[in-house]
Amino acid sequence: MKIINESIFKGIAGGRNIGSRPKGVVIHNDGGSMTPSQYVTWLKQRYKNGESSKGFAHYYGNRDEMARVEDTYNAAWHTANYEGNQNYVGYEVCQSFSATDEEFLANEQAVFKQVAEDMIFWGLDINRNTVRLHREFSSTDCPHRSWVLHGKSVNAVKDYFIEQIMKYVVAASTNNNTQNKVVQEVLSQGSNTKIDGLGYRLHVQSNNKYKGGTLGYVKEGVTAGTTGKSLRAEWLEVLYDGKGSPIEINTHIQRKGWLGYRKGSQGTRGESLRMEAVRIRICDTELAKKYSIHYRVHVQTSRCV
């Protein structure tokens, strides 16, 4: 499965209120023949031409590719209805005109799996209120192919979608129970004492495999945190000669947004909220004349929750 993450539309349809999660999902049929990769190219041109209002969903998927083209905390113009656009994440099952039944059913399964992962992440119940059809929001035959294949009524199609999504939810739960038996590896990094010059450290999540928490200080040029372990960073501290006063940090936190500049450290600990973006600046005038701060981040590749 090829995963494509490109936030093409940059929140053009608006966003949900900070701290809110979507109410549910809408599973569409694309009414076309393009692959997700081809949609990415086509949608980029739509955005460039100022035609985004003609419509776009958050995800485009088939059996080989899954493309997310808008951040799921933003709205998308995918239902021709304010409630649907603002509060529901849209998933297009691709190639509903060109695929054979066997191929289209496989395309659906890829989308169901993505929906299951997202709904688990958001903590949403999976039922007729949270799994919706386009035709519930506006006059359309979408999802036309799924409609014919799965019962030709709103509840019949929704019940099929729910049943299939739940298969992946149960599978994920089974995997998690297996992982719970694994002894956690304790993560360690850097020094527990403050260091001279520029030093920084992160607080990272724990999971069934790794025991995270607040890691030690590392110095200029050394990576803080983890890569390849799928552990979110939640809090950042940056000090100079053991003091936070010359440095100010602003972090964008899941469901909270930008917290504002603060000397020394910023973020959350103990709330299980990921740090999604960071800004760092030198606020000491004399120090700023001598130095500048350069930094980069390693980001999650599957989803922008």
C-alpha atoms as a PDB file:
ATOM      1  CA  MET A   1       0.000   0.000   0.000  1.00  0.00           C
ATOM      2  CA  LYS A   2       1.448   3.345  -1.065  1.00  0.00           C
ATOM      3  CA  ILE A   3       0.657   6.132   1.411  1.00  0.00           C
ATOM      4  CA  ILE A   4       0.462   9.717   0.133  1.00  0.00           C
ATOM      5  CA  ASN A   5       0.136  12.656   2.523  1.00  0.00           C
ATOM      6  CA  GLU A   6      -0.174  16.049   0.834  1.00  0.00           C
ATOM      7  CA  SER A   7      -2.169  18.834   2.454  1.00  0.00           C
ATOM      8  CA  ILE A   8      -3.141  20.362  -0.873  1.00  0.00           C
ATOM      9  CA  PHE A   9      -6.038  22.532   0.266  1.00  0.00           C
ATOM     10  CA  LYS A  10      -4.441  24.116   3.370  1.00  0.00           C
ATOM     11  CA  GLY A  11      -7.691  24.602   5.278  1.00  0.00           C
ATOM     12  CA  ILE A  12      -9.424  26.528   2.486  1.00  0.00           C
ATOM     13  CA  ALA A  13     -12.819  25.114   3.550  1.00  0.00           C
ATOM     14  CA  GLY A  14     -12.267  26.154   7.169  1.00  0.00           C
ATOM     15  CA  GLY A  15     -11.477  24.151  10.276  1.00  0.00           C
ATOM     16  CA  ARG A  16     -13.284  22.721  13.250  1.00  0.00           C
ATOM     17  CA  ASN A  17     -13.084  24.482  16.591  1.00  0.00           C
ATOM     18  CA  ILE A  18      -9.859  23.838  18.494  1.00  0.00           C
ATOM     19  CA  GLY A  19     -10.246  20.778  20.694  1.00  0.00           C
ATOM     20  CA  SER A  20     -13.151  19.313  18.741  1.00  0.00           C
ATOM     21  CA  ARG A  21     -13.081  16.016  16.894  1.00  0.00           C
ATOM     22  CA  PRO A  22     -15.157  15.088  13.852  1.00  0.00           C
ATOM     23  CA  LYS A  23     -18.646  13.753  14.421  1.00  0.00           C
ATOM     24  CA  GLY A  24     -18.047  10.933  11.982  1.00  0.00           C
ATOM     25  CA  VAL A  25     -17.140   9.916   8.453  1.00  0.00           C
ATOM     26  CA  VAL A  26     -18.728   9.981   5.013  1.00  0.00           C
ATOM     27  CA  ILE A  27     -17.741   7.224   2.592  1.00  0.00           C
ATOM     28  CA  HIS A  28     -18.123   8.310  -1.033  1.00  0.00           C
ATOM     29  CA  ASN A  29     -17.785   6.708  -4.457  1.00  0.00           C
ATOM     30  CA  ASP A  30     -15.692   8.908  -6.729  1.00  0.00           C
ATOM     31  CA  GLY A  31     -17.792   8.544  -9.864  1.00  0.00           C
ATOM     32  CA  GLY A  32     -14.592   8.292 -11.882  1.00  0.00           C
ATOM     33  CA  SER A  33     -11.708   6.125 -13.023  1.00  0.00           C
ATOM     34  CA  MET A  34      -8.601   7.788 -11.599  1.00  0.00           C
ATOM     35  CA  THR A  35      -6.204   6.298  -9.081  1.00  0.00           C
ATOM     36  CA  PRO A  36      -5.404   8.183  -5.855  1.00  0.00           C
ATOM     37  CA  SER A  37      -2.065   9.326  -7.324  1.00  0.00           C
ATOM     38  CA  GLN A  38      -3.849  10.705 -10.353  1.00  0.00           C
ATOM     39  CA  TYR A  39      -6.325  12.485  -8.084  1.00  0.00           C
ATOM     40  CA  VAL A  40      -3.455  14.151  -6.225  1.00  0.00           C
ATOM     41  CA  THR A  41      -2.157  15.657  -9.472  1.00  0.00           C
ATOM     42  CA  TRP A  42      -5.651  16.634 -10.616  1.00  0.00           C
ATOM     43  CA  LEU A  43      -6.604  18.186  -7.274  1.00  0.00           C
ATOM     44  CA  LYS A  44      -3.399  20.211  -7.137  1.00  0.00           C
ATOM     45  CA  GLN A  45      -4.414  21.770 -10.439  1.00  0.00           C
ATOM     46  CA  ARG A  46      -7.956  22.366  -9.155  1.00  0.00           C
ATOM     47  CA  TYR A  47      -6.520  24.239  -6.159  1.00  0.00           C
ATOM     48  CA  LYS A  48      -4.092  26.178  -8.360  1.00  0.00           C
ATOM     49  CA  ASN A  49      -6.941  27.207 -10.678  1.00  0.00           C
ATOM     50  CA  GLY A  50      -9.018  28.544  -7.777  1.00  0.00           C
ATOM     51  CA  GLU A  51     -11.632  25.823  -8.259  1.00  0.00           C
ATOM     52  CA  SER A  52     -11.459  24.135  -4.846  1.00  0.00           C
ATOM     53  CA  SER A  53     -15.132  24.942  -4.214  1.00  0.00           C
ATOM     54  CA  LYS A  54     -16.037  22.410  -6.908  1.00  0.00           C
ATOM     55  CA  GLY A  55     -15.309  19.814  -4.260  1.00  0.00           C
ATOM     56  CA  PHE A  56     -12.726  17.615  -2.589  1.00  0.00           C
ATOM     57  CA  ALA A  57     -12.656  14.990   0.159  1.00  0.00           C
ATOM     58  CA  HIS A  58      -9.973  14.349   2.761  1.00  0.00           C
ATOM     59  CA  TYR A  59      -8.953  10.905   1.481  1.00  0.00           C
ATOM     60  CA  TYR A  60      -8.815   9.111  -1.873  1.00  0.00           C
ATOM     61  CA  GLY A  61      -8.178   5.379  -1.700  1.00  0.00           C
ATOM     62  CA  ASN A  62      -8.008   2.172  -3.661  1.00  0.00           C
ATOM     63  CA  ARG A  63      -6.458  -1.253  -3.099  1.00  0.00           C
ATOM     64  CA  ASP A  64      -2.958   0.025  -3.950  1.00  0.00           C
ATOM     65  CA  GLU A  65      -2.811   3.608  -2.661  1.00  0.00           C
ATOM     66  CA  MET A  66      -4.216   5.828   0.078  1.00  0.00           C
ATOM     67  CA  ALA A  67      -3.909   9.583  -0.438  1.00  0.00           C
ATOM     68  CA  ARG A  68      -4.804  12.186   2.174  1.00  0.00           C
ATOM     69  CA  VAL A  69      -5.115  15.584   0.488  1.00  0.00           C
ATOM     70  CA  GLU A  70      -6.431  17.671   3.401  1.00  0.00           C
ATOM     71  CA  ASP A  71      -5.690  17.598   7.126  1.00  0.00           C
ATOM     72  CA  THR A  72      -8.506  15.881   8.964  1.00  0.00           C
ATOM     73  CA  TYR A  73      -8.814  18.722  11.484  1.00  0.00           C
ATOM     74  CA  ASN A  74      -9.927  20.908   8.569  1.00  0.00           C
ATOM     75  CA  ALA A  75     -13.258  20.879   6.781  1.00  0.00           C
ATOM     76  CA  ALA A  76     -13.582  19.759   3.158  1.00  0.00           C
ATOM     77  CA  TRP A  77     -16.160  20.508   0.481  1.00  0.00           C
ATOM     78  CA  HIS A  78     -17.356  16.931  -0.007  1.00  0.00           C
ATOM     79  CA  THR A  79     -21.095  16.800   0.836  1.00  0.00           C
ATOM     80  CA  ALA A  80     -22.594  20.061  -0.518  1.00  0.00           C
ATOM     81  CA  ASN A  81     -23.838  20.624   3.039  1.00  0.00           C
ATOM     82  CA  TYR A  82     -22.346  22.725   5.843  1.00  0.00           C
ATOM     83  CA  GLU A  83     -22.832  20.080   8.547  1.00  0.00           C
ATOM     84  CA  GLY A  84     -21.318  17.341   6.407  1.00  0.00           C
ATOM     85  CA  ASN A  85     -18.421  19.472   5.218  1.00  0.00           C
ATOM     86  CA  GLN A  86     -17.583  20.916   8.628  1.00  0.00           C
ATOM     87  CA  ASN A  87     -18.012  17.946  10.944  1.00  0.00           C
ATOM     88  CA  TYR A  88     -17.442  14.792   8.900  1.00  0.00           C
ATOM     89  CA  VAL A  89     -14.254  13.489   7.301  1.00  0.00           C
ATOM     90  CA  GLY A  90     -14.713  12.413   3.680  1.00  0.00           C
ATOM     91  CA  TYR A  91     -13.276   9.261   2.080  1.00  0.00           C
ATOM     92  CA  GLU A  92     -13.524   8.621  -1.665  1.00  0.00           C
ATOM     93  CA  VAL A  93     -13.478   5.018  -2.841  1.00  0.00           C
ATOM     94  CA  CYS A  94     -11.778   5.458  -6.204  1.00  0.00           C
ATOM     95  CA  GLN A  95     -12.485   3.988  -9.651  1.00  0.00           C
ATOM     96  CA  SER A  96     -16.192   3.399  -9.095  1.00  0.00           C
ATOM     97  CA  PHE A  97     -16.751   3.669 -12.860  1.00  0.00           C
ATOM     98  CA  SER A  98     -13.821   1.611 -14.168  1.00  0.00           C
ATOM     99  CA  ALA A  99     -13.092  -1.137 -11.615  1.00  0.00           C
ATOM    100  CA  THR A 100     -14.540  -4.639 -11.795  1.00  0.00           C
ATOM    101  CA  ASP A 101     -16.714  -5.684  -8.859  1.00  0.00           C
ATOM    102  CA  GLU A 102     -13.791  -7.612  -7.387  1.00  0.00           C
ATOM    103  CA  GLU A 103     -11.464  -4.625  -7.746  1.00  0.00           C
ATOM    104  CA  PHE A 104     -13.999  -2.171  -6.365  1.00  0.00           C
ATOM    105  CA  LEU A 105     -14.714  -4.340  -3.327  1.00  0.00           C
ATOM    106  CA  ALA A 106     -10.964  -4.421  -2.664  1.00  0.00           C
ATOM    107  CA  ASN A 107     -10.855  -0.632  -3.030  1.00  0.00           C
ATOM    108  CA  GLU A 108     -13.639  -0.372  -0.461  1.00  0.00           C
ATOM    109  CA  GLN A 109     -11.723  -2.578   1.960  1.00  0.00           C
ATOM    110  CA  ALA A 110      -8.693  -0.292   1.827  1.00  0.00           C
ATOM    111  CA  VAL A 111     -10.922   2.665   2.688  1.00  0.00           C
ATOM    112  CA  PHE A 112     -12.682   0.751   5.483  1.00  0.00           C
ATOM    113  CA  LYS A 113      -9.296  -0.023   7.029  1.00  0.00           C
ATOM    114  CA  GLN A 114      -8.293   3.656   6.931  1.00  0.00           C
ATOM    115  CA  VAL A 115     -11.648   4.676   8.403  1.00  0.00           C
ATOM    116  CA  ALA A 116     -11.225   2.143  11.225  1.00  0.00           C
ATOM    117  CA  GLU A 117      -7.755   3.460  12.071  1.00  0.00           C
ATOM    118  CA  ASP A 118      -9.003   7.038  12.127  1.00  0.00           C
ATOM    119  CA  MET A 119     -12.125   6.354  14.178  1.00  0.00           C
ATOM    120  CA  ILE A 120     -10.073   4.449  16.743  1.00  0.00           C
ATOM    121  CA  PHE A 121      -7.696   7.410  16.885  1.00  0.00           C
ATOM    122  CA  TRP A 122     -10.557   9.880  17.396  1.00  0.00           C
ATOM    123  CA  GLY A 123     -12.293   7.635  19.943  1.00  0.00           C
ATOM    124  CA  LEU A 124     -15.544   7.591  17.953  1.00  0.00           C
ATOM    125  CA  ASP A 125     -18.232   4.946  18.258  1.00  0.00           C
ATOM    126  CA  ILE A 126     -18.966   3.184  14.985  1.00  0.00           C
ATOM    127  CA  ASN A 127     -22.687   3.270  14.275  1.00  0.00           C
ATOM    128  CA  ARG A 128     -25.302   4.723  11.917  1.00  0.00           C
ATOM    129  CA  ASN A 129     -24.820   8.192  13.398  1.00  0.00           C
ATOM    130  CA  THR A 130     -21.068   8.297  12.818  1.00  0.00           C
ATOM    131  CA  VAL A 131     -20.855   6.393   9.509  1.00  0.00           C
ATOM    132  CA  ARG A 132     -22.802   8.391   6.942  1.00  0.00           C
ATOM    133  CA  LEU A 133     -23.586   8.492   3.222  1.00  0.00           C
ATOM    134  CA  HIS A 134     -23.303  11.510   0.934  1.00  0.00           C
ATOM    135  CA  ARG A 135     -26.960  11.185  -0.051  1.00  0.00           C
ATOM    136  CA  GLU A 136     -27.956  11.820   3.582  1.00  0.00           C
ATOM    137  CA  PHE A 137     -26.605  15.370   3.282  1.00  0.00           C
ATOM    138  CA  SER A 138     -27.586  16.383  -0.257  1.00  0.00           C
ATOM    139  CA  SER A 139     -29.349  15.180  -3.387  1.00  0.00           C
ATOM    140  CA  THR A 140     -26.966  12.740  -5.102  1.00  0.00           C
ATOM    141  CA  ASP A 141     -26.671   9.091  -6.077  1.00  0.00           C
ATOM    142  CA  CYS A 142     -23.338   8.824  -4.235  1.00  0.00           C
ATOM    143  CA  PRO A 143     -22.190   6.224  -3.258  1.00  0.00           C
ATOM    144  CA  HIS A 144     -23.676   4.842  -6.471  1.00  0.00           C
ATOM    145  CA  ARG A 145     -21.590   1.657  -6.848  1.00  0.00           C
ATOM    146  CA  SER A 146     -21.709   0.712  -3.161  1.00  0.00           C
ATOM    147  CA  TRP A 147     -25.456   1.392  -3.235  1.00  0.00           C
ATOM    148  CA  VAL A 148     -26.022  -1.258  -5.904  1.00  0.00           C
ATOM    149  CA  LEU A 149     -23.642  -3.782  -4.350  1.00  0.00           C
ATOM    150  CA  HIS A 150     -24.774  -3.551  -0.739  1.00  0.00           C
ATOM    151  CA  GLY A 151     -28.546  -3.326  -0.550  1.00  0.00           C
ATOM    152  CA  LYS A 152     -29.907  -0.202  -2.284  1.00  0.00           C
ATOM    153  CA  SER A 153     -31.064   1.471   0.930  1.00  0.00           C
ATOM    154  CA  VAL A 154     -29.401   3.913   3.296  1.00  0.00           C
ATOM    155  CA  ASN A 155     -29.421   1.621   6.312  1.00  0.00           C
ATOM    156  CA  ALA A 156     -28.436  -1.493   4.353  1.00  0.00           C
ATOM    157  CA  VAL A 157     -25.393   0.229   2.867  1.00  0.00           C
ATOM    158  CA  LYS A 158     -24.445   1.865   6.169  1.00  0.00           C
ATOM    159  CA  ASP A 159     -24.782  -1.429   8.022  1.00  0.00           C
ATOM    160  CA  TYR A 160     -22.471  -3.088   5.505  1.00  0.00           C
ATOM    161  CA  PHE A 161     -19.941  -0.280   5.904  1.00  0.00           C
ATOM    162  CA  ILE A 162     -20.152  -0.549   9.701  1.00  0.00           C
ATOM    163  CA  GLU A 163     -19.724  -4.338   9.637  1.00  0.00           C
ATOM    164  CA  GLN A 164     -16.628  -4.064   7.444  1.00  0.00           C
ATOM    165  CA  ILE A 165     -15.082  -1.232   9.478  1.00  0.00           C
ATOM    166  CA  MET A 166     -15.619  -3.218  12.679  1.00  0.00           C
ATOM    167  CA  LYS A 167     -13.556  -6.108  11.270  1.00  0.00           C
ATOM    168  CA  TYR A 168     -10.521  -3.837  11.254  1.00  0.00           C
ATOM    169  CA  VAL A 169     -11.357  -2.423  14.677  1.00  0.00           C
ATOM    170  CA  VAL A 170     -11.486  -5.949  16.145  1.00  0.00           C
ATOM    171  CA  ALA A 171      -8.227  -6.869  14.400  1.00  0.00           C
ATOM    172  CA  ALA A 172      -6.532  -3.766  15.808  1.00  0.00           C
ATOM    173  CA  SER A 173      -7.797  -4.606  19.297  1.00  0.00           C
ATOM    174  CA  THR A 174      -6.412  -8.141  19.007  1.00  0.00           C
ATOM    175  CA  ASN A 175      -3.024  -6.787  17.945  1.00  0.00           C
ATOM    176  CA  ASN A 176      -2.995  -4.361  20.869  1.00  0.00           C
ATOM    177  CA  ASN A 177      -3.775  -7.155  23.328  1.00  0.00           C
ATOM    178  CA  THR A 178      -0.849  -9.133  21.950  1.00  0.00           C
ATOM    179  CA  GLN A 179       1.434  -6.120  22.232  1.00  0.00           C
ATOM    180  CA  ASN A 180       0.413  -5.636  25.863  1.00  0.00           C
ATOM    181  CA  LYS A 181       2.343  -8.810  26.684  1.00  0.00           C
ATOM    182  CA  VAL A 182       5.610  -7.280  25.432  1.00  0.00           C
ATOM    183  CA  VAL A 183       7.961  -5.974  28.115  1.00  0.00           C
ATOM    184  CA  GLN A 184       8.456  -2.234  27.668  1.00  0.00           C
ATOM    185  CA  GLU A 185      11.861  -0.994  26.585  1.00  0.00           C
ATOM    186  CA  VAL A 186      12.853   1.988  28.711  1.00  0.00           C
ATOM    187  CA  LEU A 187      14.010   4.881  26.544  1.00  0.00           C
ATOM    188  CA  SER A 188      17.034   6.841  27.675  1.00  0.00           C
ATOM    189  CA  GLN A 189      18.785   9.761  26.027  1.00  0.00           C
ATOM    190  CA  GLY A 190      21.316  12.430  26.888  1.00  0.00           C
ATOM    191  CA  SER A 191      22.100  13.788  30.327  1.00  0.00           C
ATOM    192  CA  ASN A 192      19.807  14.210  33.311  1.00  0.00           C
ATOM    193  CA  THR A 193      21.663  17.392  34.281  1.00  0.00           C
ATOM    194  CA  LYS A 194      21.603  20.709  32.439  1.00  0.00           C
ATOM    195  CA  ILE A 195      24.495  21.255  30.050  1.00  0.00           C
ATOM    196  CA  ASP A 196      26.601  24.242  29.029  1.00  0.00           C
ATOM    197  CA  GLY A 197      25.723  26.078  25.832  1.00  0.00           C
ATOM    198  CA  LEU A 198      22.592  25.109  23.940  1.00  0.00           C
ATOM    199  CA  GLY A 199      20.776  22.107  25.408  1.00  0.00           C
ATOM    200  CA  TYR A 200      17.314  20.704  24.799  1.00  0.00           C
ATOM    201  CA  ARG A 201      15.100  17.747  25.640  1.00  0.00           C
ATOM    202  CA  LEU A 202      11.677  16.306  24.823  1.00  0.00           C
ATOM    203  CA  HIS A 203       8.877  14.543  26.633  1.00  0.00           C
ATOM    204  CA  VAL A 204       7.659  11.623  24.489  1.00  0.00           C
ATOM    205  CA  GLN A 205       4.735   9.258  24.887  1.00  0.00           C
ATOM    206  CA  SER A 206       4.934   5.735  26.241  1.00  0.00           C
ATOM    207  CA  ASN A 207       3.219   2.796  24.572  1.00  0.00           C
ATOM    208  CA  ASN A 208       3.061  -0.967  25.006  1.00  0.00           C
ATOM    209  CA  LYS A 209       6.587  -1.385  23.649  1.00  0.00           C
ATOM    210  CA  TYR A 210       8.443   1.696  24.866  1.00  0.00           C
ATOM    211  CA  LYS A 211       8.495   3.571  28.162  1.00  0.00           C
ATOM    212  CA  GLY A 212       9.003   7.225  27.290  1.00  0.00           C
ATOM    213  CA  GLY A 213       8.561  10.276  29.498  1.00  0.00           C
ATOM    214  CA  THR A 214      10.901  13.241  29.800  1.00  0.00           C
ATOM    215  CA  LEU A 215      14.209  12.330  28.168  1.00  0.00           C
ATOM    216  CA  GLY A 216      17.632  13.730  29.026  1.00  0.00           C
ATOM    217  CA  TYR A 217      19.285  16.871  27.679  1.00  0.00           C
ATOM    218  CA  VAL A 218      21.223  16.707  24.424  1.00  0.00           C
ATOM    219  CA  LYS A 219      23.454  19.395  22.990  1.00  0.00           C
ATOM    220  CA  GLU A 220      23.656  21.338  19.755  1.00  0.00           C
ATOM    221  CA  GLY A 221      23.522  19.169  16.631  1.00  0.00           C
ATOM    222  CA  VAL A 222      22.139  16.057  18.364  1.00  0.00           C
ATOM    223  CA  THR A 223      18.623  14.753  17.656  1.00  0.00           C
ATOM    224  CA  ALA A 224      16.249  14.907  20.615  1.00  0.00           C
ATOM    225  CA  GLY A 225      13.364  12.474  20.821  1.00  0.00           C
ATOM    226  CA  THR A 226      12.878   9.335  18.742  1.00  0.00           C
ATOM    227  CA  THR A 227      12.596   8.300  15.102  1.00  0.00           C
ATOM    228  CA  GLY A 228      11.100   5.081  13.759  1.00  0.00           C
ATOM    229  CA  LYS A 229       9.234   4.236  16.976  1.00  0.00           C
ATOM    230  CA  SER A 230       5.893   5.999  16.300  1.00  0.00           C
ATOM    231  CA  LEU A 231       6.057   7.909  19.585  1.00  0.00           C
ATOM    232  CA  ARG A 232       4.585  11.382  19.700  1.00  0.00           C
ATOM    233  CA  ALA A 233       6.563  14.297  21.153  1.00  0.00           C
ATOM    234  CA  GLU A 234       4.475  16.278  23.667  1.00  0.00           C
ATOM    235  CA  TRP A 235       6.726  18.878  25.352  1.00  0.00           C
ATOM    236  CA  LEU A 236       9.979  20.685  24.495  1.00  0.00           C
ATOM    237  CA  GLU A 237      12.532  22.442  26.665  1.00  0.00           C
ATOM    238  CA  VAL A 238      15.396  24.538  25.235  1.00  0.00           C
ATOM    239  CA  LEU A 239      18.015  26.082  27.536  1.00  0.00           C
ATOM    240  CA  TYR A 240      21.186  28.108  27.093  1.00  0.00           C
ATOM    241  CA  ASP A 241      23.832  27.580  29.775  1.00  0.00           C
ATOM    242  CA  GLY A 242      21.159  25.912  31.858  1.00  0.00           C
ATOM    243  CA  LYS A 243      18.740  28.837  31.678  1.00  0.00           C
ATOM    244  CA  GLY A 244      15.542  29.275  29.716  1.00  0.00           C
ATOM    245  CA  SER A 245      15.452  33.056  29.881  1.00  0.00           C
ATOM    246  CA  PRO A 246      17.170  33.755  26.514  1.00  0.00           C
ATOM    247  CA  ILE A 247      14.935  31.306  24.601  1.00  0.00           C
ATOM    248  CA  GLU A 248      11.194  31.427  23.909  1.00  0.00           C
ATOM    249  CA  ILE A 249       9.200  28.494  22.558  1.00  0.00           C
ATOM    250  CA  ASN A 250       5.727  28.255  21.045  1.00  0.00           C
ATOM    251  CA  THR A 251       4.179  24.856  20.332  1.00  0.00           C
ATOM    252  CA  HIS A 252       1.071  23.803  18.410  1.00  0.00           C
ATOM    253  CA  ILE A 253      -0.620  21.081  20.435  1.00  0.00           C
ATOM    254  CA  GLN A 254      -3.276  18.600  19.323  1.00  0.00           C
ATOM    255  CA  ARG A 255      -6.803  19.947  20.006  1.00  0.00           C
ATOM    256  CA  LYS A 256      -5.355  23.060  21.707  1.00  0.00           C
ATOM    257  CA  GLY A 257      -3.620  24.921  18.870  1.00  0.00           C
ATOM    258  CA  TRP A 258      -0.770  27.357  19.460  1.00  0.00           C
ATOM    259  CA  LEU A 259      -0.101  27.781  23.188  1.00  0.00           C
ATOM    260  CA  GLY A 260       1.875  31.018  22.899  1.00  0.00           C
ATOM    261  CA  TYR A 261       5.529  31.868  23.462  1.00  0.00           C
ATOM    262  CA  ARG A 262       7.012  30.889  26.794  1.00  0.00           C
ATOM    263  CA  LYS A 263      10.567  31.047  28.100  1.00  0.00           C
ATOM    264  CA  GLY A 264      12.426  27.767  28.410  1.00  0.00           C
ATOM    265  CA  SER A 265       9.751  25.174  27.722  1.00  0.00           C
ATOM    266  CA  GLN A 266       6.334  24.712  26.178  1.00  0.00           C
ATOM    267  CA  GLY A 267       3.878  21.904  25.462  1.00  0.00           C
ATOM    268  CA  THR A 268       1.982  19.480  27.694  1.00  0.00           C
ATOM    269  CA  ARG A 269       2.890  16.529  29.880  1.00  0.00           C
ATOM    270  CA  GLY A 270       0.448  13.980  31.203  1.00  0.00           C
ATOM    271  CA  GLU A 271      -2.334  14.867  28.742  1.00  0.00           C
ATOM    272  CA  SER A 272      -1.400  12.473  25.879  1.00  0.00           C
ATOM    273  CA  LEU A 273      -1.514  15.288  23.298  1.00  0.00           C
ATOM    274  CA  ARG A 274       0.929  15.396  20.432  1.00  0.00           C
ATOM    275  CA  MET A 275       3.065  18.419  19.633  1.00  0.00           C
ATOM    276  CA  GLU A 276       2.347  19.180  15.974  1.00  0.00           C
ATOM    277  CA  ALA A 277       4.530  22.219  15.249  1.00  0.00           C
ATOM    278  CA  VAL A 278       7.098  24.344  17.048  1.00  0.00           C
ATOM    279  CA  ARG A 279       8.529  27.859  16.872  1.00  0.00           C
ATOM    280  CA  ILE A 280      11.733  28.874  18.679  1.00  0.00           C
ATOM    281  CA  ARG A 281      13.220  32.336  18.972  1.00  0.00           C
ATOM    282  CA  ILE A 282      16.023  34.102  20.826  1.00  0.00           C
ATOM    283  CA  CYS A 283      14.630  36.877  22.997  1.00  0.00           C
ATOM    284  CA  ASP A 284      17.954  38.084  24.433  1.00  0.00           C
ATOM    285  CA  THR A 285      19.067  41.013  22.251  1.00  0.00           C
ATOM    286  CA  GLU A 286      22.812  40.543  22.761  1.00  0.00           C
ATOM    287  CA  LEU A 287      22.636  36.794  22.248  1.00  0.00           C
ATOM    288  CA  ALA A 288      20.578  37.262  19.090  1.00  0.00           C
ATOM    289  CA  LYS A 289      23.376  39.402  17.621  1.00  0.00           C
ATOM    290  CA  LYS A 290      25.785  36.477  17.882  1.00  0.00           C
ATOM    291  CA  TYR A 291      23.618  33.441  17.237  1.00  0.00           C
ATOM    292  CA  SER A 292      20.635  32.149  15.298  1.00  0.00           C
ATOM    293  CA  ILE A 293      18.691  28.946  15.922  1.00  0.00           C
ATOM    294  CA  HIS A 294      18.170  26.391  13.148  1.00  0.00           C
ATOM    295  CA  TYR A 295      16.013  23.323  13.735  1.00  0.00           C
ATOM    296  CA  ARG A 296      14.070  20.630  11.929  1.00  0.00           C
ATOM    297  CA  VAL A 297      11.396  18.113  12.919  1.00  0.00           C
ATOM    298  CA  HIS A 298      10.581  14.499  12.129  1.00  0.00           C
ATOM    299  CA  VAL A 299       6.832  14.092  11.527  1.00  0.00           C
ATOM    300  CA  GLN A 300       4.370  11.225  11.429  1.00  0.00           C
ATOM    301  CA  THR A 301       3.798   9.884   7.915  1.00  0.00           C
ATOM    302  CA  SER A 302       0.350   8.324   8.131  1.00  0.00           C
ATOM    303  CA  ARG A 303      -2.068  10.923   9.527  1.00  0.00           C
ATOM    304  CA  CYS A 304      -2.334  14.681  10.547  1.00  0.00           C
ATOM    305  CA  VAL A 305      -4.715  14.288  13.697  1.00  0.00           C
END
